[in-house]
Amino acid sequence: MISANSSAEPTMQVYKSETCGCCQDWIEHIEAAGIPVESTNLNAMNNKKMELGVPPQLASCHTAVIDGYVIEGHVPASDILRLLREKPAVTGLTVPGMPHGSPGMETGKEDHYQVLAFDSKDESINVWSEYNQPDPSQS
């Protein structure tokens, strides 16, 4: 028997610090896109990142897993949905650091940032998408 949820997006498991407000804001962004979320508060986030194959230079504050992919930091839901549709051979997506203007980091300021696809097996890193790009006419 097929359940009513069989065509729904897979559930995302988010690992975060209990005290991080931007993580909760990002979770709300993900849920608003229709992705169900379960979250777990951890004290040793770096251990979880290492276990999941997140390179230290690509780290952010929270780490998630969905459909076998690792999502690190403030990755927009649209990029996650594209990842789930395209199913590339990568470990996951990351937005290193905590750039202003990324989902969950709406501070009124906007930094240029990239969403990176990374593969822990061959250590490759490629640009998946870019946001808040500077206007070249302003250079």
Protein backbone atom coordinates (compact mmCIF):
# COMPACT_ATOMS: atom_id res chain seq x y z
CA MET A 1 0.00 0.00 0.00
CA ILE A 2 1.33 3.45 -0.95
CA SER A 3 0.97 6.14 1.67
CA ALA A 4 -0.49 9.56 0.98
CA ASN A 5 2.97 11.03 1.56
CA SER A 6 4.76 8.89 -1.04
CA SER A 7 4.93 11.72 -3.60
CA ALA A 8 5.96 14.35 -1.03
CA GLU A 9 9.48 15.64 -0.68
CA PRO A 10 11.70 13.57 1.63
CA THR A 11 12.10 14.77 5.20
CA MET A 12 15.19 16.85 5.94
CA GLN A 13 17.08 16.07 9.16
CA VAL A 14 18.71 19.27 10.48
CA TYR A 15 21.49 19.29 13.10
CA LYS A 16 21.97 22.63 14.85
CA SER A 17 22.94 24.40 18.03
CA GLU A 18 20.04 24.96 20.41
CA THR A 19 20.85 28.65 20.76
CA CYS A 20 21.19 29.57 17.08
CA GLY A 21 18.35 31.80 15.88
CA CYS A 22 19.44 31.93 12.24
CA CYS A 23 19.22 28.13 12.05
CA GLN A 24 15.57 28.27 13.07
CA ASP A 25 14.92 31.03 10.53
CA TRP A 26 16.49 28.84 7.82
CA ILE A 27 14.34 25.87 8.89
CA GLU A 28 11.24 28.06 8.48
CA HIS A 29 12.44 28.99 4.95
CA ILE A 30 12.83 25.28 4.11
CA GLU A 31 9.41 24.36 5.52
CA ALA A 32 7.79 27.24 3.60
CA ALA A 33 9.12 25.59 0.41
CA GLY A 34 7.21 22.41 1.31
CA ILE A 35 10.13 20.37 2.63
CA PRO A 36 9.32 18.63 5.93
CA VAL A 37 12.00 19.15 8.60
CA GLU A 38 13.02 17.32 11.75
CA SER A 39 15.67 19.06 13.83
CA THR A 40 18.11 17.82 16.44
CA ASN A 41 20.11 20.07 18.75
CA LEU A 42 23.75 19.03 19.14
CA ASN A 43 26.55 20.33 21.31
CA ALA A 44 29.32 18.87 19.12
CA MET A 45 28.41 20.15 15.65
CA ASN A 46 31.95 19.72 14.29
CA ASN A 47 31.80 15.97 14.99
CA LYS A 48 28.60 15.66 12.93
CA LYS A 49 30.09 17.74 10.09
CA MET A 50 33.18 15.48 10.02
CA GLU A 51 31.02 12.35 10.12
CA LEU A 52 29.02 13.60 7.12
CA GLY A 53 32.11 14.62 5.10
CA VAL A 54 31.81 18.41 5.25
CA PRO A 55 35.27 19.92 4.59
CA PRO A 56 36.19 22.45 7.32
CA GLN A 57 36.63 25.27 4.78
CA LEU A 58 33.01 24.77 3.62
CA ALA A 59 31.43 24.79 7.10
CA SER A 60 28.63 26.99 8.36
CA CYS A 61 26.44 26.85 11.45
CA HIS A 62 23.91 24.05 10.76
CA THR A 63 24.13 20.80 8.83
CA ALA A 64 21.29 18.83 7.27
CA VAL A 65 20.74 15.58 5.42
CA ILE A 66 18.03 14.94 2.84
CA ASP A 67 17.66 12.01 0.47
CA GLY A 68 21.32 11.05 1.01
CA TYR A 69 22.67 14.57 0.39
CA VAL A 70 24.39 16.83 2.91
CA ILE A 71 23.19 20.45 3.08
CA GLU A 72 25.59 22.76 4.93
CA GLY A 73 24.56 26.24 6.00
CA HIS A 74 22.13 28.73 4.51
CA VAL A 75 21.41 26.99 1.18
CA PRO A 76 18.24 28.36 -0.47
CA ALA A 77 15.35 25.89 -0.74
CA SER A 78 15.24 26.35 -4.52
CA ASP A 79 18.77 24.94 -4.78
CA ILE A 80 17.86 21.97 -2.58
CA LEU A 81 14.79 21.23 -4.70
CA ARG A 82 16.95 21.41 -7.84
CA LEU A 83 19.47 19.02 -6.22
CA LEU A 84 16.66 16.54 -5.46
CA ARG A 85 15.36 16.78 -9.05
CA GLU A 86 18.72 16.50 -10.81
CA LYS A 87 20.35 14.01 -8.40
CA PRO A 88 24.00 14.78 -9.31
CA ALA A 89 26.84 12.59 -8.03
CA VAL A 90 27.94 14.94 -5.21
CA THR A 91 28.05 14.75 -1.43
CA GLY A 92 25.92 17.87 -1.12
CA LEU A 93 25.56 21.63 -1.20
CA THR A 94 27.02 24.32 1.04
CA VAL A 95 26.96 28.04 1.65
CA PRO A 96 30.18 28.51 3.64
CA GLY A 97 30.06 30.96 6.51
CA MET A 98 26.93 32.97 7.19
CA PRO A 99 26.48 35.54 4.40
CA HIS A 100 24.00 38.35 4.88
CA GLY A 101 20.99 38.02 2.59
CA SER A 102 21.02 34.22 2.48
CA PRO A 103 17.91 32.43 3.82
CA GLY A 104 17.86 32.77 7.59
CA MET A 105 20.36 35.65 7.46
CA GLU A 106 18.01 38.42 6.36
CA THR A 107 19.68 41.30 8.17
CA GLY A 108 18.91 44.14 5.77
CA LYS A 109 22.38 43.79 4.26
CA GLU A 110 23.15 41.57 1.25
CA ASP A 111 26.47 39.89 0.62
CA HIS A 112 27.35 38.21 -2.66
CA TYR A 113 27.49 34.47 -2.02
CA GLN A 114 27.76 31.19 -3.85
CA VAL A 115 26.09 27.86 -3.28
CA LEU A 116 28.78 25.22 -3.82
CA ALA A 117 28.35 21.57 -4.75
CA PHE A 118 31.01 19.43 -3.09
CA ASP A 119 32.10 15.83 -3.33
CA SER A 120 33.99 14.39 -0.35
CA LYS A 121 35.24 11.41 -2.38
CA ASP A 122 37.25 13.34 -4.98
CA GLU A 123 37.38 16.63 -2.99
CA SER A 124 35.83 18.56 -5.89
CA ILE A 125 34.03 21.85 -5.32
CA ASN A 126 31.93 23.54 -8.02
CA VAL A 127 29.69 26.59 -8.10
CA TRP A 128 26.03 25.47 -8.10
CA SER A 129 24.47 28.96 -8.06
CA GLU A 130 25.20 32.58 -7.10
CA TYR A 131 23.17 35.25 -5.33
CA ASN A 132 23.32 39.00 -4.72
CA GLN A 133 25.89 39.47 -7.44
CA PRO A 134 27.50 42.90 -7.58
CA ASP A 135 26.34 45.15 -10.38
CA PRO A 136 29.24 45.30 -12.89
CA SER A 137 28.28 48.88 -13.84
CA GLN A 138 29.10 49.91 -10.26
CA SER A 139 32.72 48.68 -10.47
